[in-house]
Amino acid sequence: MSLAVVHSRALDALQAPEVTVEVHLANGLPSVTLVGLADTEVKEARERVRAALQNSGLEFPNNKRITVNLAPADLPKESGRFDLPIALGILAASGQIDAARLAQYEFAGELSLSGELRPVRGALAMALALHRSGAGSGRALVLPHASAQEAALACGMAGDMSSAMTGGLRIHGAAHLLDVVRALLPGDVEPADALPLAHAAPSPVREPGADLRDVKGQAAAKRALEIAATGGHSALMVGPPGTGKSMLAQRFAGLLPALTHDEALESAAVLSLTGAFSADRWAQRAFRSPHHTASPVALVGGGSPPRPGEISLSHHGVLFLDELPEFPRAALEGLREPLETGRIVISRAARQAEFPARFQLIAAMNPCPCGHQGSPLRACRCTPDVVARYQGRISGPLLDRIDVQVEVPAVPAAALAAAPDGEATEVIAARVSRARDRAMQRQGCANAALTGDALDRHCALDAAASKFLQAAAARLGWSARSFHRVLRVARSVADLAGSGPITVAHLAEAIQCRRVLSVG
């Protein structure tokens, strides 16, 4: 009888808890048994591992009773990430590789029937978990090449040297099962010398994105998006079809400042959980635009095991919801808490998972079902009741959480042709960057994140401005939330103007940003 122990990691939301793969070979009726709360995908590893070993010229112990235990037993395990550690455990238990060398590594990778290694989801989460756990100083991480390069790039390891080091963490890439086996054979060659260290690809050349100059006219909408970008505010654009709402939203991300290293890591880690991370998008803000038929689970996350939804995949990026009233009511209501807290907690009977969701919501909608209410180009066919029902699909509590609400009116084609070119994205982005820098130096966060004492301190008003805002709040019937959100928007307007105090003019512009739809 023999026993081998291999280290690996599972995925649990953004965490990657350690999993010990124990393989025991004994005499008895030939069989392969997997225990340890393994999902169907993990149990299918029996056939993948058997074929991969045989097709790689290695021996599978067909005459033994094989027991594979994935510990801890109460942690659910899913996906094919345990194929490689199970295969190595069988080889070590049968004496084909040096079992003592396995302790130096953690392994994850899906095996093809020919023995090739396929990438796995959550490579970045595994690398970060290994580094945070302190095991990084003693163990290296072995992943398929594509996953290893992802982890190396996302950890900010760039350069021409073929090394991947972050605080002692080593990440090795392998293309085939035999590459890993050769590194673990008994001998004088160190395993680290036999397995190449993964290295980050050179930073991709950023191609210029779509320019706001392409959108003719719509100065008010452009100004509103500039304010939203400055303070990290959510925004809703309302107007007839064909007025440029989608064009404006698609160009909004270009106004936002570059991600910090920590923000880029967080964004990449969430995208890596679903396999949506791409090396050529490293350190770029995510832009997600789900179709209006998206379910509540697709939007906020869920499933078994829980996976992030669009709001989490948009973390530190932009979530664009076009045709907002056409989304299912339950899906839209799921946005309310994440807009306030910047996170989503998915609770089920057996498990609870928390994902970050600090996204910037940009939404667009028509003013009525036919889309032409208030348009000078075409007459609206909708009755007041029909319009009220259509706009009522967006609940008051959700609308109350959208800071900036701007009208995007229809403009005649002749007027558009005569309209001068507006400012380029680069020019507006420079103003936004300077205003954001002022906010960060003053308070250490975006204006949209101001709360409590920080809000009172950095959005203090003089007597005239306070009287003006109180009168507007009483006249428009604002909630306390609306009152505070207008203060935050006014703070962003003041930052764009380079002003320390918030004046009546700044408040007036902020108020105009919330008067398109009424909150009911």
Foldseek 3Di string as FASTA:
>chain_A
DFKFWAKAWADFFLATDIKIKMKDWDADQFDEEEAQQEDPQCVVLVQLLVLQQVLVVHDQCRRIHMYIYIPPSLDHHDHQFCSLVVSVRRCVRVPNFPRVLNVQEYGTFHAGSNFWTDFDFQLLSRQVNCVVVVCQQRHEYEGAQVSQQLNQVLLVFADDDQFRDDPNYWYFHDGGSVLQRVLGHDDDDHSCVSTTTHGHDHADDDDDDDKPLVQFDPPVVLVLLLLCQLQVFAEEEEAFPPLCQVVCQRCSQLLHDWDDSVQLSQLQSLCRNVPNHDRNCRRGQDEAEDALADDLCQAQWDDVVTHGHPLLNRRRHEYEYEQVLSHQLNNLVQVLVCLQVQKDWDDDPSDIHIGGRSHHYYYYHAQFPNRCVPAPPDDDPDDPVRSCVSVVSNALSSLLSRQFYYYRYDDDPVVRVPGDRDDISVVSSVLSVQLNVVVCVVPNHRLSNDDDPRLCVQLPADPVLVVLLVVVCVVQVHDPSSSSSLSSSLSSQCSSVVHRYRDNVSSVSSVNRSPPDRRD
